[in-house]
N, C-alpha and C. Protein backbone atom coordinates (compact mmCIF):
# COMPACT_ATOMS: atom_id res chain seq x y z
N MET A 1 -83.34 12.54 -139.16
CA MET A 1 -83.86 13.94 -138.69
C MET A 1 -84.90 13.43 -137.74
N ARG A 2 -85.46 12.39 -137.53
CA ARG A 2 -86.41 11.09 -136.50
C ARG A 2 -85.03 12.38 -135.18
N VAL A 3 -84.31 12.07 -134.99
CA VAL A 3 -83.43 12.64 -133.72
C VAL A 3 -83.37 14.07 -132.97
N LEU A 4 -83.13 14.76 -134.79
CA LEU A 4 -83.63 16.40 -134.16
C LEU A 4 -84.44 16.67 -133.94
N LEU A 5 -85.62 15.52 -134.20
CA LEU A 5 -87.16 16.57 -134.44
C LEU A 5 -87.56 15.82 -133.31
N ALA A 6 -86.99 15.15 -132.05
CA ALA A 6 -87.27 14.19 -130.61
C ALA A 6 -86.75 15.53 -129.63
N LEU A 7 -84.79 15.94 -130.03
CA LEU A 7 -84.62 17.45 -129.55
C LEU A 7 -85.32 18.57 -129.61
N LEU A 8 -85.72 19.02 -130.71
CA LEU A 8 -86.67 19.95 -130.95
C LEU A 8 -88.38 19.60 -130.11
N LEU A 9 -88.20 18.72 -129.96
CA LEU A 9 -90.09 18.40 -128.82
C LEU A 9 -89.57 18.31 -127.76
N ILE A 10 -88.35 17.95 -127.02
CA ILE A 10 -87.94 17.86 -126.09
C ILE A 10 -87.93 19.30 -125.27
N ALA A 11 -86.78 20.10 -126.45
CA ALA A 11 -86.85 22.15 -126.09
C ALA A 11 -88.05 22.48 -126.16
N LEU A 12 -88.76 22.11 -126.37
CA LEU A 12 -90.37 22.80 -126.64
C LEU A 12 -91.05 22.70 -125.96
N THR A 13 -91.00 21.63 -124.60
CA THR A 13 -91.41 21.28 -123.69
C THR A 13 -91.41 22.31 -122.39
N PRO A 14 -92.75 22.50 -122.23
CA PRO A 14 -93.14 23.49 -121.47
C PRO A 14 -91.53 23.36 -119.83
N ALA A 15 -91.42 24.03 -119.33
CA ALA A 15 -90.29 24.73 -118.43
C ALA A 15 -89.00 23.46 -118.91
N VAL A 16 -89.04 22.95 -120.34
CA VAL A 16 -87.44 22.55 -120.07
C VAL A 16 -86.63 23.40 -120.61
N ALA A 17 -86.66 24.80 -120.85
CA ALA A 17 -85.65 25.87 -121.11
C ALA A 17 -84.77 25.91 -120.03
N GLU A 18 -85.14 25.75 -118.40
CA GLU A 18 -84.67 26.23 -117.51
C GLU A 18 -84.20 24.67 -116.68
N ALA A 19 -84.80 23.45 -116.91
CA ALA A 19 -84.76 22.06 -116.75
C ALA A 19 -83.47 21.73 -117.20
N ARG A 20 -83.15 20.57 -116.21
CA ARG A 20 -81.73 19.60 -117.03
C ARG A 20 -82.89 18.29 -116.79
N MET A 21 -83.69 17.58 -117.04
CA MET A 21 -84.23 16.36 -116.82
C MET A 21 -85.68 16.78 -117.71
N PRO A 22 -85.71 15.81 -118.69
CA PRO A 22 -86.94 15.71 -119.44
C PRO A 22 -87.70 16.24 -118.82
N ALA A 23 -89.22 17.08 -119.54
CA ALA A 23 -90.68 17.47 -118.63
C ALA A 23 -91.66 15.97 -119.24
N PRO A 24 -92.58 16.03 -118.53
CA PRO A 24 -94.15 15.05 -118.94
C PRO A 24 -94.10 16.14 -120.65
N PRO A 25 -95.03 15.21 -121.15
CA PRO A 25 -95.72 16.68 -122.62
C PRO A 25 -96.65 17.21 -121.84
N ALA A 26 -97.34 16.66 -121.39
CA ALA A 26 -98.57 17.33 -120.74
C ALA A 26 -98.81 17.42 -118.98
N LEU A 27 -98.67 18.74 -119.25
CA LEU A 27 -99.16 19.43 -117.41
C LEU A 27 -99.80 20.66 -117.15
N THR A 28 -100.66 20.03 -115.70
CA THR A 28 -100.70 21.70 -115.87
C THR A 28 -100.39 21.98 -114.53
N ILE A 29 -99.73 23.51 -114.14
CA ILE A 29 -99.75 23.62 -112.52
C ILE A 29 -100.22 24.24 -112.42
N HIS A 30 -101.07 24.46 -110.66
CA HIS A 30 -101.90 24.98 -109.76
C HIS A 30 -101.16 24.96 -108.97
N HIS A 31 -100.87 26.61 -108.99
CA HIS A 31 -99.88 27.51 -107.83
C HIS A 31 -100.90 27.26 -106.57
N ALA A 32 -101.42 26.21 -105.74
CA ALA A 32 -102.17 26.10 -104.25
C ALA A 32 -102.10 25.51 -103.78
N PRO A 33 -102.58 24.89 -102.79
CA PRO A 33 -102.62 23.65 -101.96
C PRO A 33 -103.29 22.63 -102.92
N CYS A 34 -103.13 21.40 -102.33
CA CYS A 34 -103.70 20.40 -103.40
C CYS A 34 -105.27 20.21 -102.59
N PRO A 35 -105.74 20.03 -103.40
CA PRO A 35 -107.49 20.15 -102.98
C PRO A 35 -108.10 19.17 -101.86
N GLY A 36 -107.71 19.38 -101.22
CA GLY A 36 -108.90 17.90 -99.52
C GLY A 36 -107.60 18.36 -99.15
N VAL A 37 -106.66 17.99 -99.29
CA VAL A 37 -104.83 17.48 -98.71
C VAL A 37 -104.48 18.36 -97.85
N GLY A 38 -103.83 19.50 -99.07
CA GLY A 38 -102.64 20.56 -98.10
C GLY A 38 -101.64 19.84 -99.02
N GLY A 39 -100.77 21.09 -99.16
CA GLY A 39 -99.69 20.97 -99.00
C GLY A 39 -99.54 20.71 -100.72
N SER A 40 -98.13 20.25 -101.68
CA SER A 40 -98.00 19.86 -102.69
C SER A 40 -98.14 18.32 -103.57
N CYS A 41 -99.15 18.28 -104.09
CA CYS A 41 -99.32 17.30 -104.87
C CYS A 41 -99.61 16.73 -106.45
N SER A 42 -99.54 15.84 -106.44
CA SER A 42 -99.30 15.44 -108.29
C SER A 42 -100.92 14.69 -108.79
N ASP A 43 -101.63 14.82 -109.52
CA ASP A 43 -102.84 13.67 -109.56
C ASP A 43 -103.06 12.38 -110.29
N THR A 44 -102.65 11.98 -109.81
CA THR A 44 -102.27 9.81 -110.09
C THR A 44 -102.94 9.73 -111.54
N VAL A 45 -103.85 10.08 -111.99
CA VAL A 45 -105.68 9.94 -112.88
C VAL A 45 -105.14 11.81 -114.64
N SER A 46 -104.65 12.88 -113.79
CA SER A 46 -104.52 13.77 -114.24
C SER A 46 -103.30 14.38 -114.91
N ASP A 47 -102.97 14.74 -115.87
CA ASP A 47 -101.44 16.25 -115.71
C ASP A 47 -101.34 17.39 -114.72
N GLN A 48 -102.25 16.69 -114.00
CA GLN A 48 -101.70 18.21 -113.04
C GLN A 48 -101.21 17.83 -112.37
N ILE A 49 -100.24 18.58 -111.15
CA ILE A 49 -99.76 19.62 -110.58
C ILE A 49 -100.42 20.36 -109.15
N TRP A 50 -100.47 20.63 -107.80
CA TRP A 50 -100.46 21.03 -107.15
C TRP A 50 -99.30 22.07 -106.52
N LEU A 51 -98.89 23.32 -106.23
CA LEU A 51 -97.88 23.56 -105.36
C LEU A 51 -98.28 24.78 -104.22
N ALA A 52 -98.12 24.15 -102.64
CA ALA A 52 -97.71 24.96 -101.57
C ALA A 52 -96.82 25.36 -101.90
N ASP A 53 -95.76 25.23 -102.78
CA ASP A 53 -94.46 25.53 -102.18
C ASP A 53 -93.84 25.54 -103.56
N GLU A 54 -93.08 26.61 -103.71
CA GLU A 54 -92.44 26.17 -105.10
C GLU A 54 -90.97 25.14 -105.30
N SER A 55 -90.68 25.57 -104.38
CA SER A 55 -89.61 24.53 -104.44
C SER A 55 -89.96 22.59 -104.38
N ASP A 56 -91.38 22.91 -104.41
CA ASP A 56 -91.60 20.78 -104.82
C ASP A 56 -91.96 20.82 -106.13
N ARG A 57 -92.19 22.10 -107.37
CA ARG A 57 -92.08 21.53 -108.99
C ARG A 57 -91.18 20.34 -108.87
N ASP A 58 -90.19 20.33 -109.01
CA ASP A 58 -89.67 19.23 -109.03
C ASP A 58 -89.88 17.67 -108.85
N HIS A 59 -90.01 17.48 -107.81
CA HIS A 59 -90.52 16.39 -107.06
C HIS A 59 -91.96 16.31 -107.61
N GLU A 60 -93.33 16.65 -107.72
CA GLU A 60 -94.24 16.46 -108.54
C GLU A 60 -94.11 16.21 -109.52
N THR A 61 -93.37 16.98 -110.51
CA THR A 61 -93.35 17.06 -111.92
C THR A 61 -93.02 15.87 -111.70
N ALA A 62 -91.76 15.72 -110.81
CA ALA A 62 -91.06 13.77 -111.61
C ALA A 62 -92.41 12.59 -111.83
N HIS A 63 -93.17 13.42 -110.26
CA HIS A 63 -94.69 11.52 -110.69
C HIS A 63 -95.96 11.84 -111.99
N GLN A 64 -95.79 12.85 -112.35
CA GLN A 64 -95.94 13.14 -113.84
C GLN A 64 -95.61 12.73 -114.76
N PHE A 65 -93.48 12.98 -114.79
CA PHE A 65 -92.81 11.84 -115.77
C PHE A 65 -93.21 10.44 -115.57
N ASP A 66 -93.05 9.68 -114.51
CA ASP A 66 -92.89 8.61 -113.74
C ASP A 66 -94.18 8.17 -114.60
N ARG A 67 -96.03 8.72 -114.57
CA ARG A 67 -97.08 7.90 -114.48
C ARG A 67 -97.03 8.61 -116.47
N GLN A 68 -97.16 9.38 -117.27
CA GLN A 68 -97.52 9.87 -118.46
C GLN A 68 -95.71 9.09 -119.42
N MET A 69 -94.72 8.66 -118.76
CA MET A 69 -93.56 8.38 -119.82
C MET A 69 -93.00 7.10 -119.38
N LEU A 70 -93.05 6.27 -118.07
CA LEU A 70 -92.33 4.95 -117.31
C LEU A 70 -92.98 4.39 -117.70
N THR A 71 -92.34 2.93 -118.58
CA THR A 71 -93.00 1.61 -118.53
C THR A 71 -92.50 0.77 -117.31
N GLU A 72 -93.25 -0.15 -117.03
CA GLU A 72 -92.69 -1.09 -115.47
C GLU A 72 -91.63 -1.76 -115.72
N PRO A 73 -91.20 -2.43 -116.74
CA PRO A 73 -89.11 -2.09 -117.01
C PRO A 73 -88.64 -1.04 -116.72
N ARG A 74 -88.23 -0.01 -117.31
CA ARG A 74 -88.23 1.09 -116.82
C ARG A 74 -88.11 1.48 -115.23
N ARG A 75 -89.95 1.59 -115.39
CA ARG A 75 -89.67 1.40 -113.30
C ARG A 75 -88.55 0.58 -112.52
N ASN A 76 -89.27 -0.45 -112.98
CA ASN A 76 -87.83 -1.30 -112.64
C ASN A 76 -86.51 -1.56 -112.70
N TYR A 77 -86.25 -0.61 -113.40
CA TYR A 77 -84.51 -0.54 -113.77
C TYR A 77 -84.06 0.51 -113.07
N LEU A 78 -85.10 1.45 -112.41
CA LEU A 78 -84.29 2.42 -111.27
C LEU A 78 -84.39 2.51 -110.23
N LYS A 79 -86.17 1.30 -110.46
CA LYS A 79 -86.06 0.71 -109.12
C LYS A 79 -84.57 -0.11 -108.50
N HIS A 80 -83.90 -1.20 -109.01
CA HIS A 80 -82.51 -1.16 -109.06
C HIS A 80 -80.90 -0.13 -109.07
N LEU A 81 -81.42 0.74 -109.97
CA LEU A 81 -80.79 1.85 -109.86
C LEU A 81 -81.02 2.38 -108.62
N LEU A 82 -81.54 2.80 -107.18
CA LEU A 82 -81.88 3.04 -106.44
C LEU A 82 -81.79 2.15 -105.27
N GLY A 83 -81.67 1.23 -105.30
CA GLY A 83 -80.78 0.17 -104.76
C GLY A 83 -82.20 -0.77 -104.10
N TYR A 84 -83.41 -0.59 -104.55
CA TYR A 84 -84.23 -1.39 -103.57
C TYR A 84 -84.39 -2.82 -104.26
N GLN A 85 -84.85 -4.14 -103.93
CA GLN A 85 -85.21 -4.96 -104.38
C GLN A 85 -86.13 -5.27 -105.39
N PRO A 86 -86.35 -5.88 -106.60
CA PRO A 86 -87.12 -6.56 -107.23
C PRO A 86 -87.99 -6.43 -107.06
N GLU A 87 -88.79 -6.99 -105.75
CA GLU A 87 -90.20 -7.69 -105.09
C GLU A 87 -90.45 -6.19 -104.91
N THR A 88 -89.88 -5.12 -104.53
CA THR A 88 -90.43 -3.89 -103.77
C THR A 88 -91.35 -3.47 -104.66
N PRO A 89 -92.47 -2.94 -104.25
CA PRO A 89 -93.63 -2.57 -105.54
C PRO A 89 -93.04 -1.13 -105.35
N TRP A 90 -93.61 -0.95 -106.47
CA TRP A 90 -93.15 1.12 -106.69
C TRP A 90 -93.48 2.15 -105.97
N ASP A 91 -94.80 2.14 -106.60
CA ASP A 91 -96.00 2.10 -105.52
C ASP A 91 -95.96 1.96 -103.92
N ASN A 92 -95.13 2.14 -103.08
CA ASN A 92 -94.90 1.57 -102.30
C ASN A 92 -95.70 2.51 -100.56
N GLY A 93 -96.72 4.05 -101.12
CA GLY A 93 -97.20 5.36 -100.61
C GLY A 93 -96.44 5.75 -100.44
N THR A 94 -97.01 7.31 -99.39
CA THR A 94 -96.33 8.39 -99.67
C THR A 94 -96.73 8.67 -98.40
N GLY A 95 -95.84 9.65 -99.07
CA GLY A 95 -96.31 10.83 -96.94
C GLY A 95 -95.15 10.67 -96.42
N GLU A 96 -95.66 11.32 -95.00
CA GLU A 96 -94.74 10.98 -94.21
C GLU A 96 -94.51 9.33 -93.02
N GLY A 97 -95.23 8.65 -93.77
CA GLY A 97 -94.59 6.97 -93.70
C GLY A 97 -94.40 6.42 -94.53
N CYS A 98 -94.38 7.48 -95.01
CA CYS A 98 -92.76 6.03 -96.41
C CYS A 98 -91.70 6.34 -96.17
N GLY A 99 -91.13 7.16 -96.35
CA GLY A 99 -89.34 7.32 -95.79
C GLY A 99 -88.98 7.05 -96.91
N SER A 100 -88.09 6.28 -96.49
CA SER A 100 -87.22 5.47 -97.52
C SER A 100 -87.13 4.01 -98.70
N GLU A 101 -88.49 3.89 -97.88
CA GLU A 101 -89.50 2.84 -98.32
C GLU A 101 -90.15 3.17 -99.10
N CYS A 102 -90.68 4.05 -100.41
CA CYS A 102 -91.14 4.29 -101.01
C CYS A 102 -90.33 5.04 -102.60
N PRO A 103 -89.74 3.60 -103.56
CA PRO A 103 -89.43 3.30 -104.69
C PRO A 103 -89.75 4.78 -105.39
N ASP A 104 -91.13 5.08 -105.96
CA ASP A 104 -91.64 6.29 -106.50
C ASP A 104 -91.59 7.64 -105.75
N GLU A 105 -91.35 7.50 -104.31
CA GLU A 105 -91.50 8.97 -103.89
C GLU A 105 -89.10 9.47 -103.87
N VAL A 106 -88.49 8.18 -103.91
CA VAL A 106 -87.49 8.24 -103.56
C VAL A 106 -86.92 8.84 -105.06
N PHE A 107 -87.37 7.87 -106.73
CA PHE A 107 -87.50 8.52 -107.38
C PHE A 107 -87.93 9.76 -108.02
N ALA A 108 -89.18 10.34 -107.32
CA ALA A 108 -89.39 11.79 -106.98
C ALA A 108 -88.03 12.47 -106.60
N ASP A 109 -87.65 12.15 -106.05
CA ASP A 109 -86.21 13.33 -105.12
C ASP A 109 -85.10 13.22 -106.25
N ALA A 110 -84.88 11.73 -107.01
CA ALA A 110 -83.54 11.28 -107.36
C ALA A 110 -84.09 12.70 -108.97
N TYR A 111 -85.15 12.66 -109.69
CA TYR A 111 -85.68 13.79 -109.93
C TYR A 111 -85.29 14.28 -110.02
N ALA A 112 -86.01 15.40 -109.16
CA ALA A 112 -85.62 16.65 -108.65
C ALA A 112 -84.35 17.31 -108.12
N GLN A 113 -83.19 15.91 -108.16
CA GLN A 113 -82.17 17.05 -107.48
C GLN A 113 -81.08 16.28 -108.76
N CYS A 114 -81.90 15.71 -109.49
CA CYS A 114 -81.05 15.85 -111.20
C CYS A 114 -81.21 16.78 -111.60
N ASN A 115 -82.56 18.06 -111.57
CA ASN A 115 -82.65 18.92 -112.31
C ASN A 115 -81.87 20.01 -111.41
N LYS A 116 -81.44 19.82 -110.11
CA LYS A 116 -80.67 21.35 -109.74
C LYS A 116 -78.98 20.94 -110.20
N PRO A 117 -78.32 22.36 -110.49
CA PRO A 117 -76.94 22.28 -110.51
C PRO A 117 -76.20 21.61 -109.38
N THR A 118 -75.27 20.70 -110.07
CA THR A 118 -74.51 19.85 -109.01
C THR A 118 -74.06 20.83 -108.04
N ARG A 119 -73.75 21.46 -106.40
CA ARG A 119 -73.16 21.10 -105.47
C ARG A 119 -73.63 20.40 -104.73
N SER A 120 -72.21 20.00 -104.70
CA SER A 120 -72.43 18.44 -103.71
C SER A 120 -70.80 18.32 -103.04
N ARG A 121 -70.89 17.44 -101.66
CA ARG A 121 -69.05 17.57 -101.76
C ARG A 121 -68.92 16.41 -101.08
N ARG A 122 -68.03 15.76 -101.35
CA ARG A 122 -68.23 13.96 -100.87
C ARG A 122 -67.26 14.03 -98.84
N THR A 123 -68.61 13.41 -98.79
CA THR A 123 -68.15 13.03 -97.13
C THR A 123 -68.09 11.08 -97.46
N HIS A 124 -67.20 10.49 -97.08
CA HIS A 124 -67.31 8.91 -96.79
C HIS A 124 -67.61 8.70 -98.03
N GLY A 125 -67.71 8.68 -99.06
CA GLY A 125 -67.50 7.81 -100.42
C GLY A 125 -69.56 8.64 -100.86
N MET A 126 -69.74 9.41 -99.77
CA MET A 126 -70.90 9.57 -100.60
C MET A 126 -71.35 11.16 -100.90
N VAL A 127 -71.79 11.22 -102.09
CA VAL A 127 -72.37 12.35 -102.57
C VAL A 127 -72.98 13.55 -100.86
N VAL A 128 -72.82 14.85 -100.36
CA VAL A 128 -73.76 15.60 -99.29
C VAL A 128 -74.24 16.67 -100.38
N ARG A 129 -75.50 17.14 -100.86
CA ARG A 129 -76.22 17.61 -101.42
C ARG A 129 -76.73 18.76 -100.30
N THR A 130 -76.61 20.28 -101.03
CA THR A 130 -77.14 21.05 -100.51
C THR A 130 -78.38 21.21 -100.04
N THR A 131 -79.03 20.46 -100.93
CA THR A 131 -80.09 19.93 -100.50
C THR A 131 -80.68 18.61 -100.33
N GLU A 132 -81.30 18.87 -99.13
CA GLU A 132 -81.75 17.54 -98.69
C GLU A 132 -83.03 16.55 -98.93
N THR A 133 -83.35 15.43 -98.84
CA THR A 133 -84.47 14.92 -99.50
C THR A 133 -85.46 14.49 -98.53
N SER A 134 -86.24 14.69 -99.09
CA SER A 134 -87.82 14.13 -98.03
C SER A 134 -87.83 12.39 -97.46
N TYR A 135 -87.91 11.89 -98.43
CA TYR A 135 -87.79 11.11 -98.63
C TYR A 135 -86.14 8.98 -98.89
N GLY A 136 -85.37 10.15 -98.37
CA GLY A 136 -83.91 9.84 -98.04
C GLY A 136 -83.12 9.27 -99.57
N TYR A 137 -83.22 10.34 -100.57
CA TYR A 137 -82.17 9.66 -101.80
C TYR A 137 -81.10 10.35 -101.79
N TYR A 138 -79.62 9.89 -100.78
CA TYR A 138 -78.90 10.05 -100.13
C TYR A 138 -78.13 8.96 -101.43
N PRO A 139 -77.27 9.79 -102.30
CA PRO A 139 -76.42 8.59 -103.08
C PRO A 139 -75.32 8.90 -103.23
N THR A 140 -74.86 7.62 -104.10
CA THR A 140 -73.03 7.76 -104.21
C THR A 140 -73.26 8.72 -105.84
N GLY A 141 -71.69 9.52 -105.82
CA GLY A 141 -71.68 10.37 -106.83
C GLY A 141 -71.78 9.49 -108.54
N ARG A 142 -71.12 8.20 -108.38
CA ARG A 142 -71.84 6.93 -109.57
C ARG A 142 -72.78 6.64 -109.71
N GLN A 143 -74.07 6.34 -108.98
CA GLN A 143 -75.56 6.06 -108.59
C GLN A 143 -76.33 7.47 -108.91
N HIS A 144 -75.51 8.51 -109.00
CA HIS A 144 -76.17 9.68 -109.50
C HIS A 144 -76.13 9.98 -110.75
N PHE A 145 -74.84 9.98 -110.59
CA PHE A 145 -75.39 9.84 -112.47
C PHE A 145 -76.05 8.57 -113.39
N ARG A 146 -75.83 7.59 -112.63
CA ARG A 146 -76.15 6.51 -113.70
C ARG A 146 -77.77 6.50 -113.51
N VAL A 147 -78.27 7.34 -112.47
CA VAL A 147 -79.80 7.45 -111.86
C VAL A 147 -80.26 8.63 -112.81
N CYS A 148 -79.85 10.07 -113.51
CA CYS A 148 -79.85 10.59 -114.06
C CYS A 148 -79.51 10.31 -115.97
N ASN A 149 -78.81 10.12 -116.36
CA ASN A 149 -78.93 9.64 -117.08
C ASN A 149 -80.05 8.53 -117.25
N ALA A 150 -80.52 7.42 -116.67
CA ALA A 150 -80.79 6.70 -117.21
C ALA A 150 -82.88 7.49 -117.33
N ILE A 151 -82.96 8.44 -116.27
CA ILE A 151 -83.90 9.57 -116.48
C ILE A 151 -83.90 10.14 -117.93
N SER A 152 -82.97 10.55 -118.24
CA SER A 152 -82.61 11.75 -119.59
C SER A 152 -82.67 11.06 -120.90
N ILE A 153 -82.62 9.36 -120.51
CA ILE A 153 -82.38 8.97 -121.65
C ILE A 153 -83.55 8.08 -121.21
N TYR A 154 -84.81 7.30 -121.06
CA TYR A 154 -85.99 7.57 -121.48
C TYR A 154 -86.91 8.07 -121.48
N GLY A 155 -86.45 9.88 -121.08
CA GLY A 155 -87.20 11.17 -121.70
C GLY A 155 -86.62 10.92 -123.32
N TRP A 156 -85.52 10.97 -123.64
CA TRP A 156 -85.07 10.93 -124.77
C TRP A 156 -85.69 10.12 -125.23
N LEU A 157 -85.86 8.92 -125.22
CA LEU A 157 -87.02 7.69 -125.74
C LEU A 157 -88.46 8.13 -125.85
N TYR A 158 -89.02 8.54 -124.95
CA TYR A 158 -90.34 8.92 -125.14
C TYR A 158 -90.50 9.55 -126.25
N TYR A 159 -89.78 10.81 -126.48
CA TYR A 159 -89.83 12.16 -126.99
C TYR A 159 -89.48 11.48 -128.99
N GLN A 160 -88.79 10.11 -129.14
CA GLN A 160 -88.00 9.83 -130.29
C GLN A 160 -89.28 9.28 -130.66
N SER A 161 -89.62 8.32 -130.01
CA SER A 161 -90.76 7.61 -130.82
C SER A 161 -91.97 8.03 -130.72
N ALA A 162 -92.40 8.97 -129.79
CA ALA A 162 -93.69 10.50 -130.20
C ALA A 162 -93.47 10.84 -131.60
N ALA A 163 -91.49 11.17 -131.79
CA ALA A 163 -91.75 11.62 -133.23
C ALA A 163 -91.73 10.74 -134.89
N GLU A 164 -92.43 10.01 -133.84
CA GLU A 164 -91.14 8.93 -135.13
C GLU A 164 -93.10 8.24 -135.09
N LEU A 165 -93.93 8.42 -134.88
CA LEU A 165 -95.53 8.14 -134.73
C LEU A 165 -95.88 9.55 -135.00
N GLN A 166 -95.46 10.36 -135.03
CA GLN A 166 -95.86 11.37 -136.25
C GLN A 166 -95.73 11.49 -137.55
N SER A 167 -94.35 11.17 -137.65
CA SER A 167 -93.61 10.86 -138.78
C SER A 167 -94.66 10.12 -140.19
N THR A 168 -95.45 9.02 -139.29
CA THR A 168 -96.77 8.02 -140.33
C THR A 168 -97.76 8.61 -140.41
N ARG A 169 -97.68 9.47 -139.70
CA ARG A 169 -98.72 9.87 -139.91
C ARG A 169 -99.08 10.47 -141.28
């Protein structure tokens, strides 16, 4: 019964109907540039994202998934799956100076790629996606499968624990 309730919660979460990845439980989307900065962004202290371009939706949603649903041990495991050393800080900056040295940004690109239909081709063992990522997420097929599975499982675990809390009230 708890599993069914957790899956129902996931299915009823906004934007999940068209999404492949679990969505954060609370999310306010502003279809406007980020205040004071421009471009698209995710607020690090509230449940809000600003979209200057609709194509940034999944990437910015990933930052809210991270903020609302991931624990440090889960971030560390994702860091491992993404190929980072354990000592690399998760939040290592953002923007143009960040590149592939920012696990939280590469995670956001990974989440966005996991949320897209798989249309890829193989080149020298690497998966080349039709959408290039800004922060250098270029996984092998096996790596991408593992990252997407981890994100899905972490979403499921989050909603399962929320359902268990509701059932004890």
